[in-house]
Amino acid sequence: MIQQKIFPFKLEMTEDKLTSKAGLSIFAEYNRAMGLTELADKYLARPKRE
């Protein structure tokens, strides 16, 4: 089991079928832990549309 640092979830092995987007939560966890979210907000232009 991998302990989370930011988001309230735990990863465990399973034989269940997962969606192709199942790994996005890990990528988001990494981005936030590394501070990339704040850097993107600071240096990248905001979208013109919501």
N, C-alpha and C. Protein backbone atom coordinates (compact mmCIF):
# COMPACT_ATOMS: atom_id res chain seq x y z
N MET A 1 0.85 -1.17 0.00
CA MET A 1 0.00 0.00 0.00
C MET A 1 0.89 1.24 0.00
N ILE A 2 0.52 2.24 -0.78
CA ILE A 2 1.24 3.50 -0.85
C ILE A 2 0.46 4.55 -0.06
N GLN A 3 1.13 5.21 0.87
CA GLN A 3 0.45 6.21 1.68
C GLN A 3 0.37 7.52 0.90
N GLN A 4 -0.77 8.16 0.93
CA GLN A 4 -0.95 9.43 0.26
C GLN A 4 -0.35 10.55 1.08
N LYS A 5 -0.06 11.66 0.43
CA LYS A 5 0.50 12.83 1.10
C LYS A 5 -0.47 14.00 1.11
N ILE A 6 -1.25 14.14 0.07
CA ILE A 6 -2.12 15.31 -0.07
C ILE A 6 -3.59 14.91 -0.15
N PHE A 7 -3.92 14.03 -1.07
CA PHE A 7 -5.31 13.63 -1.26
C PHE A 7 -5.68 12.49 -0.30
N PRO A 8 -6.93 12.43 0.13
CA PRO A 8 -7.35 11.41 1.09
C PRO A 8 -7.70 10.07 0.44
N PHE A 9 -6.73 9.37 -0.13
CA PHE A 9 -6.96 8.04 -0.67
C PHE A 9 -5.74 7.17 -0.44
N LYS A 10 -5.94 5.88 -0.51
CA LYS A 10 -4.85 4.92 -0.38
C LYS A 10 -4.86 4.02 -1.60
N LEU A 11 -3.68 3.63 -2.03
CA LEU A 11 -3.57 2.74 -3.19
C LEU A 11 -3.32 1.33 -2.72
N GLU A 12 -4.06 0.40 -3.29
CA GLU A 12 -3.87 -1.01 -2.98
C GLU A 12 -3.94 -1.80 -4.27
N MET A 13 -3.34 -2.96 -4.28
CA MET A 13 -3.41 -3.83 -5.45
C MET A 13 -4.81 -4.43 -5.55
N THR A 14 -5.26 -4.62 -6.78
CA THR A 14 -6.56 -5.21 -7.02
C THR A 14 -6.56 -5.94 -8.35
N GLU A 15 -7.45 -6.87 -8.50
CA GLU A 15 -7.64 -7.56 -9.77
C GLU A 15 -8.81 -6.95 -10.54
N ASP A 16 -9.46 -5.93 -9.95
CA ASP A 16 -10.58 -5.26 -10.61
C ASP A 16 -10.12 -4.52 -11.85
N LYS A 17 -11.02 -4.38 -12.80
CA LYS A 17 -10.72 -3.58 -13.99
C LYS A 17 -10.86 -2.11 -13.64
N LEU A 18 -9.91 -1.32 -14.13
CA LEU A 18 -9.91 0.11 -13.85
C LEU A 18 -10.06 0.88 -15.16
N THR A 19 -10.44 2.12 -15.05
CA THR A 19 -10.56 2.96 -16.25
C THR A 19 -9.18 3.41 -16.69
N SER A 20 -9.10 3.93 -17.87
CA SER A 20 -7.82 4.42 -18.39
C SER A 20 -7.36 5.68 -17.66
N LYS A 21 -8.24 6.32 -16.91
CA LYS A 21 -7.91 7.55 -16.19
C LYS A 21 -7.58 7.29 -14.72
N ALA A 22 -7.43 6.04 -14.34
CA ALA A 22 -7.19 5.71 -12.94
C ALA A 22 -5.88 6.29 -12.42
N GLY A 23 -4.88 6.46 -13.27
CA GLY A 23 -3.58 6.98 -12.85
C GLY A 23 -3.53 8.49 -12.71
N LEU A 24 -4.57 9.20 -13.12
CA LEU A 24 -4.54 10.66 -13.03
C LEU A 24 -4.47 11.16 -11.60
N SER A 25 -5.05 10.43 -10.65
CA SER A 25 -4.99 10.88 -9.26
C SER A 25 -3.56 10.82 -8.73
N ILE A 26 -2.78 9.85 -9.17
CA ILE A 26 -1.38 9.76 -8.76
C ILE A 26 -0.59 10.91 -9.37
N PHE A 27 -0.84 11.23 -10.63
CA PHE A 27 -0.16 12.34 -11.28
C PHE A 27 -0.50 13.66 -10.60
N ALA A 28 -1.77 13.85 -10.24
CA ALA A 28 -2.18 15.07 -9.54
C ALA A 28 -1.52 15.15 -8.17
N GLU A 29 -1.41 14.04 -7.47
CA GLU A 29 -0.73 13.99 -6.17
C GLU A 29 0.73 14.41 -6.33
N TYR A 30 1.40 13.90 -7.34
CA TYR A 30 2.79 14.24 -7.61
C TYR A 30 2.94 15.74 -7.89
N ASN A 31 2.08 16.26 -8.77
CA ASN A 31 2.14 17.69 -9.12
C ASN A 31 1.98 18.57 -7.89
N ARG A 32 1.03 18.26 -7.05
CA ARG A 32 0.82 19.08 -5.86
C ARG A 32 1.96 18.95 -4.86
N ALA A 33 2.46 17.74 -4.68
CA ALA A 33 3.56 17.52 -3.73
C ALA A 33 4.83 18.23 -4.18
N MET A 34 5.06 18.32 -5.48
CA MET A 34 6.25 18.98 -6.01
C MET A 34 6.07 20.50 -6.15
N GLY A 35 4.86 20.99 -5.91
CA GLY A 35 4.60 22.42 -6.02
C GLY A 35 4.38 22.89 -7.45
N LEU A 36 4.16 21.95 -8.37
CA LEU A 36 3.99 22.32 -9.77
C LEU A 36 2.68 23.05 -10.03
N THR A 37 1.67 22.75 -9.24
CA THR A 37 0.38 23.42 -9.41
C THR A 37 0.52 24.91 -9.16
N GLU A 38 1.23 25.28 -8.09
CA GLU A 38 1.43 26.68 -7.76
C GLU A 38 2.29 27.39 -8.81
N LEU A 39 3.32 26.70 -9.31
CA LEU A 39 4.17 27.28 -10.35
C LEU A 39 3.37 27.52 -11.63
N ALA A 40 2.53 26.58 -12.00
CA ALA A 40 1.71 26.74 -13.20
C ALA A 40 0.75 27.92 -13.03
N ASP A 41 0.13 28.04 -11.86
CA ASP A 41 -0.77 29.16 -11.61
C ASP A 41 -0.04 30.49 -11.68
N LYS A 42 1.22 30.50 -11.24
CA LYS A 42 1.98 31.74 -11.19
C LYS A 42 2.49 32.16 -12.57
N TYR A 43 2.99 31.22 -13.37
CA TYR A 43 3.70 31.57 -14.60
C TYR A 43 2.95 31.31 -15.90
N LEU A 44 1.90 30.52 -15.88
CA LEU A 44 1.16 30.24 -17.11
C LEU A 44 -0.08 31.11 -17.20
N ALA A 45 -0.42 31.49 -18.41
CA ALA A 45 -1.61 32.33 -18.62
C ALA A 45 -2.87 31.58 -18.25
N ARG A 46 -3.81 32.28 -17.69
CA ARG A 46 -5.10 31.69 -17.35
C ARG A 46 -5.90 31.47 -18.62
N PRO A 47 -6.74 30.45 -18.66
CA PRO A 47 -7.56 30.24 -19.86
C PRO A 47 -8.56 31.38 -20.05
N LYS A 48 -8.86 31.68 -21.29
CA LYS A 48 -9.81 32.77 -21.58
C LYS A 48 -11.24 32.35 -21.31
N ARG A 49 -11.52 31.05 -21.36
CA ARG A 49 -12.85 30.53 -21.08
C ARG A 49 -12.78 29.64 -19.86
N GLU A 50 -13.87 29.52 -19.16
CA GLU A 50 -13.94 28.63 -18.00
C GLU A 50 -14.31 27.25 -18.45
